[in-house]
Amino acid sequence: MNFIEGTRDVTEGELQANNITRYHVTRFYREQITKSDYYGQLKHIVEPSFEEFESPGHLDTSGEHDNTVVPGFQHKYAQTGLLLVTDRCASYCRYCFRKRIVGKNSDEIATDFSRVAQYIDDHPEMTNVLLSGGDPFVLNTAKLDKILNHLLPIPHLGSIRFGTKMVAYEPKRFEDPALLALFQRIHEGGKTAVIVTHFDHVGEISADAERNIGSLRAHGVQFLNQSVLLAKVNDDSKILAATFAKCHQMGVRPYYLFQGRPVKGASHFQVSLRRGIEIARGINQRLSGIQKTFKYIMSHYTGKIEILDLGADGRVYMRYHQNKTPEKIGRIFSRPHLEGACWLEDLPEG
């Protein structure tokens, strides 16, 4: 198997034991990053590294198993449902936090959409559903339409989101005329269609991506972007500021900058909290007020934690952006900083 550092003989057992996904990337993305000025950074997103063999961590860092209420459907936060519709992606990100699922025949993928719809129908507090996976847009549009058949009749659903990196990996997928009809169905059903793109680096934003985003926006689709803070890839405030500024220019609202998770086979991508706070501060210093709409987030087992600052008192200040317990949302808390800490559990209590 080819790695960034060279070729290495590996058995299937070694790959499984170390949670290493096989190399898989679209021709479009490979050409996009090779021709860019950023190949030295972007190659780490899709090309395997020897570091994956020495990268400890967990397979479920956010408690997805514990929040699964129907096979393939999670309900962690009151207003939001998470629907896993596929275990496949157009390309495999080396830092993926769902390595336990992606590229495998997983039993965590939804199959009984009637049962999912019944659960949503029974929970009127749920106002939006996020289709994820894998990447929902690896499914053909007819399959997505069938899924919508179950979701659109539910009156208290106000929006339907699609989490995808396909806009970077294979933007021509969004030139499918049937997709426009699908988004029109959502609109006519009285709901908002939202695509959450996944641009980690300005070098991933192709002319095709920009053109197709513009076309879909003209048809009423809203766009958000989430990025992951990744060592060797985008741990640079100038790069991320340029990424967010470009997203804003395209009408894609910067949404989350995620702290890298301690995922087995991918924790080498983590950046320390001290460095992450410095980067987030540098991004904000480079953007205008209307461009800095992102939150620096740790997607933790207990909830989405906004990382605010490292105080002069040596404490890391945080706030719950989302939590299973509504009373905790918005609450600021702190922990003593420990040099090199990358995750909440790395910080001592007290």
Protein backbone atom coordinates (compact mmCIF):
# COMPACT_ATOMS: atom_id res chain seq x y z
CA MET A 1 0.00 0.00 0.00
CA ASN A 2 1.27 3.48 -0.88
CA PHE A 3 1.69 5.95 1.96
CA ILE A 4 2.92 9.56 1.96
CA GLU A 5 6.21 8.34 3.42
CA GLY A 6 6.62 5.43 1.00
CA THR A 7 5.33 1.95 0.18
CA ARG A 8 4.63 -0.54 2.95
CA ASP A 9 3.45 -4.14 2.91
CA VAL A 10 0.37 -4.50 5.09
CA THR A 11 -2.10 -7.27 5.71
CA GLU A 12 -5.85 -6.80 5.85
CA GLY A 13 -5.62 -7.67 9.54
CA GLU A 14 -3.13 -4.85 10.17
CA LEU A 15 -5.39 -2.34 8.44
CA GLN A 16 -8.37 -3.43 10.52
CA ALA A 17 -6.44 -3.56 13.79
CA ASN A 18 -5.17 -0.01 13.27
CA ASN A 19 -8.47 1.31 11.90
CA ILE A 20 -6.84 2.30 8.60
CA THR A 21 -9.16 2.97 5.68
CA ARG A 22 -8.03 2.05 2.20
CA TYR A 23 -6.94 4.85 -0.13
CA HIS A 24 -9.82 6.09 -2.25
CA VAL A 25 -10.09 9.48 -3.97
CA THR A 26 -11.95 10.89 -6.97
CA ARG A 27 -9.98 11.77 -10.08
CA PHE A 28 -11.43 15.30 -9.90
CA TYR A 29 -10.12 15.95 -6.39
CA ARG A 30 -6.74 14.38 -7.07
CA GLU A 31 -6.29 16.70 -10.05
CA GLN A 32 -7.64 19.68 -8.12
CA ILE A 33 -5.13 19.37 -5.29
CA THR A 34 -2.22 18.39 -7.55
CA LYS A 35 -2.68 21.50 -9.69
CA SER A 36 -3.16 23.79 -6.68
CA ASP A 37 -0.39 25.61 -4.85
CA TYR A 38 -1.26 23.64 -1.73
CA TYR A 39 -0.59 20.00 -2.61
CA GLY A 40 1.89 19.65 0.27
CA GLN A 41 -0.95 20.40 2.68
CA LEU A 42 -3.95 18.92 0.91
CA LYS A 43 -2.40 15.51 0.26
CA HIS A 44 -2.76 14.74 3.98
CA ILE A 45 -6.56 14.85 3.64
CA VAL A 46 -6.74 11.80 1.36
CA GLU A 47 -3.33 10.08 1.24
CA PRO A 48 -2.50 7.47 3.94
CA SER A 49 0.36 8.08 6.35
CA PHE A 50 2.49 5.82 8.53
CA GLU A 51 1.30 8.01 11.42
CA GLU A 52 -2.06 6.23 11.27
CA PHE A 53 -0.41 3.11 12.74
CA GLU A 54 0.69 5.09 15.81
CA SER A 55 -2.48 7.16 16.26
CA PRO A 56 -4.38 6.10 19.40
CA GLY A 57 -7.95 6.97 20.26
CA HIS A 58 -11.55 5.78 20.11
CA LEU A 59 -13.91 4.80 17.32
CA ASP A 60 -16.94 6.67 18.69
CA THR A 61 -15.76 9.92 20.23
CA SER A 62 -19.17 11.62 20.37
CA GLY A 63 -21.34 8.87 21.83
CA GLU A 64 -23.18 8.17 18.59
CA HIS A 65 -23.99 4.62 19.65
CA ASP A 66 -25.53 5.82 22.90
CA ASN A 67 -27.71 8.37 21.09
CA THR A 68 -29.06 5.98 18.45
CA VAL A 69 -32.81 5.64 18.99
CA VAL A 70 -33.71 3.74 15.81
CA PRO A 71 -31.14 1.87 13.69
CA GLY A 72 -29.37 4.53 11.62
CA PHE A 73 -31.02 7.44 13.43
CA GLN A 74 -29.58 9.48 16.30
CA HIS A 75 -31.36 11.96 18.57
CA LYS A 76 -28.78 13.70 20.76
CA TYR A 77 -30.14 17.25 20.79
CA ALA A 78 -33.85 17.96 21.15
CA GLN A 79 -34.39 19.86 17.90
CA THR A 80 -32.14 17.79 15.61
CA GLY A 81 -32.19 14.27 14.23
CA LEU A 82 -29.18 12.69 12.53
CA LEU A 83 -29.93 10.17 9.80
CA LEU A 84 -27.10 7.95 8.51
CA VAL A 85 -28.14 7.06 4.96
CA THR A 86 -24.96 5.42 3.61
CA ASP A 87 -21.57 4.09 4.68
CA ARG A 88 -19.87 5.22 1.46
CA CYS A 89 -18.11 8.42 0.40
CA ALA A 90 -16.75 9.67 -2.91
CA SER A 91 -13.29 9.85 -1.29
CA TYR A 92 -12.07 8.75 2.12
CA CYS A 93 -10.79 11.49 4.42
CA ARG A 94 -7.88 10.26 6.51
CA TYR A 95 -9.16 12.15 9.58
CA CYS A 96 -12.73 10.79 9.40
CA PHE A 97 -14.41 10.45 12.81
CA ARG A 98 -16.68 7.69 11.46
CA LYS A 99 -13.90 5.34 10.38
CA ARG A 100 -15.84 2.58 12.12
CA ILE A 101 -18.54 2.95 9.44
CA VAL A 102 -17.18 4.48 6.24
CA GLY A 103 -16.15 2.12 3.47
CA LYS A 104 -17.61 -0.85 5.31
CA ASN A 105 -20.90 -2.69 5.23
CA SER A 106 -22.08 -1.13 8.46
CA ASP A 107 -25.16 -2.08 10.43
CA GLU A 108 -25.37 1.52 11.70
CA ILE A 109 -26.95 2.72 8.45
CA ALA A 110 -30.70 3.33 8.33
CA THR A 111 -32.76 0.86 6.33
CA ASP A 112 -36.29 1.23 7.74
CA PHE A 113 -37.21 4.83 6.94
CA SER A 114 -40.83 4.29 7.94
CA ARG A 115 -39.67 3.53 11.46
CA VAL A 116 -37.43 6.61 11.45
CA ALA A 117 -40.32 8.78 10.28
CA GLN A 118 -42.56 7.38 12.99
CA TYR A 119 -40.00 8.30 15.65
CA ILE A 120 -39.72 11.85 14.28
CA ASP A 121 -43.50 12.12 14.10
CA ASP A 122 -43.68 11.17 17.78
CA HIS A 123 -41.18 13.92 18.73
CA PRO A 124 -42.64 17.32 17.78
CA GLU A 125 -39.67 19.09 19.38
CA MET A 126 -37.55 17.93 16.42
CA THR A 127 -37.46 20.71 13.85
CA ASN A 128 -34.70 19.54 11.50
CA VAL A 129 -33.06 16.39 10.21
CA LEU A 130 -29.47 16.08 8.98
CA LEU A 131 -28.77 13.43 6.33
CA SER A 132 -25.23 12.19 6.75
CA GLY A 133 -23.22 9.00 6.51
CA GLY A 134 -20.93 8.49 4.60
CA ASP A 135 -21.99 11.12 2.13
CA PRO A 136 -25.67 11.28 1.13
CA PHE A 137 -24.83 12.50 -2.36
CA VAL A 138 -23.11 9.25 -3.29
CA LEU A 139 -26.68 7.94 -3.39
CA ASN A 140 -28.52 8.53 -6.63
CA THR A 141 -31.21 11.19 -6.62
CA ALA A 142 -34.01 8.62 -6.90
CA LYS A 143 -32.86 7.06 -3.60
CA LEU A 144 -32.76 10.48 -1.92
CA ASP A 145 -36.27 11.15 -3.23
CA LYS A 146 -37.51 7.94 -1.61
CA ILE A 147 -36.02 9.03 1.71
CA LEU A 148 -37.75 12.39 1.38
CA ASN A 149 -41.06 10.59 0.84
CA HIS A 150 -40.88 9.70 4.52
CA LEU A 151 -39.66 13.07 5.81
CA LEU A 152 -41.63 15.68 3.87
CA PRO A 153 -45.07 14.84 5.29
CA ILE A 154 -43.90 15.48 8.87
CA PRO A 155 -45.35 18.92 9.71
CA HIS A 156 -42.97 19.99 12.49
CA LEU A 157 -39.83 19.47 10.39
CA GLY A 158 -38.80 22.95 9.23
CA SER A 159 -35.58 22.10 7.44
CA ILE A 160 -33.73 19.20 5.90
CA ARG A 161 -29.92 19.34 5.89
CA PHE A 162 -27.43 17.38 3.84
CA GLY A 163 -23.89 17.04 5.21
CA THR A 164 -21.48 16.54 2.32
CA LYS A 165 -17.91 16.85 1.10
CA MET A 166 -19.02 15.93 -2.41
CA VAL A 167 -18.97 19.62 -3.40
CA ALA A 168 -15.18 19.39 -3.02
CA TYR A 169 -14.71 15.80 -4.17
CA GLU A 170 -17.10 15.60 -7.15
CA PRO A 171 -18.89 18.93 -7.73
CA LYS A 172 -20.40 17.80 -11.04
CA ARG A 173 -22.74 15.60 -8.96
CA PHE A 174 -24.69 18.81 -8.34
CA GLU A 175 -25.31 19.37 -12.04
CA ASP A 176 -27.89 16.56 -12.02
CA PRO A 177 -31.18 18.20 -13.13
CA ALA A 178 -33.10 15.79 -10.91
CA LEU A 179 -31.41 17.35 -7.87
CA LEU A 180 -33.03 20.69 -8.64
CA ALA A 181 -36.40 18.94 -8.66
CA LEU A 182 -35.55 17.32 -5.32
CA PHE A 183 -34.74 20.66 -3.72
CA GLN A 184 -37.89 22.11 -5.27
CA ARG A 185 -39.88 19.34 -3.61
CA ILE A 186 -38.41 20.32 -0.25
CA HIS A 187 -39.32 23.96 -0.89
CA GLU A 188 -42.86 23.12 -1.99
CA GLY A 189 -43.18 20.96 1.11
CA GLY A 190 -42.76 24.12 3.18
CA LYS A 191 -39.28 23.24 4.36
CA THR A 192 -35.82 24.74 3.94
CA ALA A 193 -33.15 22.80 2.06
CA VAL A 194 -29.68 23.26 3.56
CA ILE A 195 -26.40 21.86 2.24
CA VAL A 196 -23.56 21.80 4.76
CA THR A 197 -20.37 21.76 2.70
CA HIS A 198 -17.03 20.59 4.03
CA PHE A 199 -14.23 22.78 2.75
CA ASP A 200 -11.22 22.44 5.03
CA HIS A 201 -8.91 24.54 2.89
CA VAL A 202 -9.27 27.26 0.28
CA GLY A 203 -7.36 25.03 -2.15
CA GLU A 204 -10.31 22.62 -2.18
CA ILE A 205 -12.71 25.21 -3.59
CA SER A 206 -12.80 24.62 -7.34
CA ALA A 207 -14.41 26.71 -10.08
CA ASP A 208 -16.91 23.87 -10.59
CA ALA A 209 -17.83 23.95 -6.90
CA GLU A 210 -18.32 27.71 -6.95
CA ARG A 211 -20.46 27.58 -10.09
CA ASN A 212 -22.71 24.80 -8.83
CA ILE A 213 -23.16 26.40 -5.42
CA GLY A 214 -24.26 29.59 -7.18
CA SER A 215 -26.75 27.64 -9.28
CA LEU A 216 -28.30 25.89 -6.28
CA ARG A 217 -28.45 29.10 -4.25
CA ALA A 218 -30.42 30.65 -7.11
CA HIS A 219 -32.96 27.87 -6.55
CA GLY A 220 -33.33 28.64 -2.85
CA VAL A 221 -30.86 26.16 -1.32
CA GLN A 222 -29.05 27.55 1.72
CA PHE A 223 -25.38 26.75 2.31
CA LEU A 224 -23.28 26.44 5.43
CA ASN A 225 -19.67 25.24 5.72
CA GLN A 226 -17.90 23.26 8.38
CA SER A 227 -14.15 22.70 8.58
CA VAL A 228 -11.93 20.58 10.79
CA LEU A 229 -8.75 22.03 12.27
CA LEU A 230 -6.06 19.66 10.99
CA ALA A 231 -2.35 19.51 11.73
CA LYS A 232 -0.22 19.89 8.57
CA VAL A 233 -3.30 20.81 6.52
CA ASN A 234 -4.88 24.05 7.72
CA ASP A 235 -3.40 24.84 11.14
CA ASP A 236 -2.71 28.35 9.89
CA SER A 237 -4.97 31.34 10.54
CA LYS A 238 -4.18 32.85 7.11
CA ILE A 239 -5.30 29.71 5.29
CA LEU A 240 -8.51 29.35 7.29
CA ALA A 241 -9.30 33.06 7.04
CA ALA A 242 -8.91 32.81 3.26
CA THR A 243 -11.15 29.72 3.26
CA PHE A 244 -13.89 31.40 5.26
CA ALA A 245 -13.65 34.62 3.24
CA LYS A 246 -14.03 32.63 0.01
CA CYS A 247 -17.01 30.74 1.46
CA HIS A 248 -18.63 34.04 2.45
CA GLN A 249 -18.06 35.42 -1.04
CA MET A 250 -19.86 32.36 -2.51
CA GLY A 251 -22.80 32.71 -0.14
CA VAL A 252 -21.72 29.79 2.05
CA ARG A 253 -21.84 30.76 5.71
CA PRO A 254 -18.86 29.58 7.79
CA TYR A 255 -20.55 27.52 10.49
CA TYR A 256 -18.20 25.34 12.55
CA LEU A 257 -14.45 25.00 12.89
CA PHE A 258 -14.16 21.63 14.62
CA GLN A 259 -11.38 20.68 16.97
CA GLY A 260 -9.88 17.42 15.66
CA ARG A 261 -11.23 14.41 17.53
CA PRO A 262 -9.19 11.71 19.28
CA VAL A 263 -10.14 9.08 16.70
CA LYS A 264 -8.12 5.87 16.49
CA GLY A 265 -6.08 6.07 13.31
CA ALA A 266 -6.62 9.83 13.02
CA SER A 267 -5.65 11.50 16.30
CA HIS A 268 -2.33 12.62 14.79
CA PHE A 269 -4.34 15.35 13.07
CA GLN A 270 -5.16 16.96 16.42
CA VAL A 271 -3.87 20.45 17.17
CA SER A 272 -3.38 21.51 20.80
CA LEU A 273 -6.07 23.66 22.36
CA ARG A 274 -3.58 26.45 22.95
CA ARG A 275 -2.63 26.47 19.27
CA GLY A 276 -6.25 26.14 18.18
CA ILE A 277 -7.27 29.16 20.26
CA GLU A 278 -4.40 31.17 18.75
CA ILE A 279 -5.51 30.14 15.25
CA ALA A 280 -9.17 31.01 15.91
CA ARG A 281 -8.10 34.40 17.24
CA GLY A 282 -5.93 34.97 14.16
CA ILE A 283 -8.82 34.08 11.84
CA ASN A 284 -11.09 36.60 13.54
CA GLN A 285 -8.43 39.29 13.29
CA ARG A 286 -8.32 38.79 9.51
CA LEU A 287 -12.06 38.78 8.78
CA SER A 288 -14.70 41.49 8.72
CA GLY A 289 -17.62 41.31 11.10
CA ILE A 290 -19.99 39.77 8.56
CA GLN A 291 -17.45 37.08 7.61
CA LYS A 292 -16.67 35.71 11.07
CA THR A 293 -19.73 33.63 11.66
CA PHE A 294 -17.93 30.42 12.65
CA LYS A 295 -17.69 28.89 16.10
CA TYR A 296 -14.63 26.94 17.24
CA ILE A 297 -16.24 23.72 18.48
CA MET A 298 -15.28 20.53 20.25
CA SER A 299 -17.89 17.92 19.34
CA HIS A 300 -17.69 16.06 22.63
CA TYR A 301 -19.61 13.12 24.08
CA THR A 302 -21.45 15.54 26.39
CA GLY A 303 -22.32 18.04 23.66
CA LYS A 304 -20.97 20.66 21.31
CA ILE A 305 -18.54 22.76 23.32
CA GLU A 306 -17.52 26.18 22.01
CA ILE A 307 -13.86 26.83 22.85
CA LEU A 308 -13.67 30.48 23.87
CA ASP A 309 -10.23 31.41 25.17
CA LEU A 310 -7.21 30.59 27.29
CA GLY A 311 -7.32 33.08 30.14
CA ALA A 312 -4.47 34.88 31.88
CA ASP A 313 -5.38 32.72 34.88
CA GLY A 314 -4.23 29.61 33.00
CA ARG A 315 -7.72 28.23 32.49
CA VAL A 316 -9.44 27.22 29.24
CA TYR A 317 -12.85 28.86 28.99
CA MET A 318 -15.63 27.03 27.15
CA ARG A 319 -19.37 27.18 26.63
CA TYR A 320 -21.95 24.54 25.76
CA HIS A 321 -23.28 25.40 22.32
CA GLN A 322 -25.43 22.25 22.42
CA ASN A 323 -26.15 19.74 25.17
CA LYS A 324 -28.61 16.95 25.80
CA THR A 325 -29.63 18.85 28.93
CA PRO A 326 -31.17 22.18 27.79
CA GLU A 327 -30.27 23.93 31.05
CA LYS A 328 -26.57 23.51 30.26
CA ILE A 329 -26.77 25.22 26.86
CA GLY A 330 -24.99 28.57 26.94
CA ARG A 331 -23.33 27.85 30.26
CA ILE A 332 -19.68 28.94 30.47
CA PHE A 333 -17.24 26.72 32.34
CA SER A 334 -13.47 26.39 32.59
CA ARG A 335 -10.71 23.93 33.35
CA PRO A 336 -7.02 24.35 34.17
CA HIS A 337 -4.94 24.35 31.02
CA LEU A 338 -2.38 21.60 30.52
CA GLU A 339 0.26 22.11 27.85
CA GLY A 340 -0.34 19.85 24.87
CA ALA A 341 -4.01 19.20 25.77
CA CYS A 342 -6.18 18.57 22.70
CA TRP A 343 -9.49 17.36 24.18
CA LEU A 344 -11.65 17.92 27.24
CA GLU A 345 -10.39 14.76 28.94
CA ASP A 346 -6.83 16.07 28.59
CA LEU A 347 -7.69 18.95 30.92
CA PRO A 348 -7.72 18.29 34.68
CA GLU A 349 -10.92 18.97 36.55
CA GLY A 350 -10.96 21.61 39.25
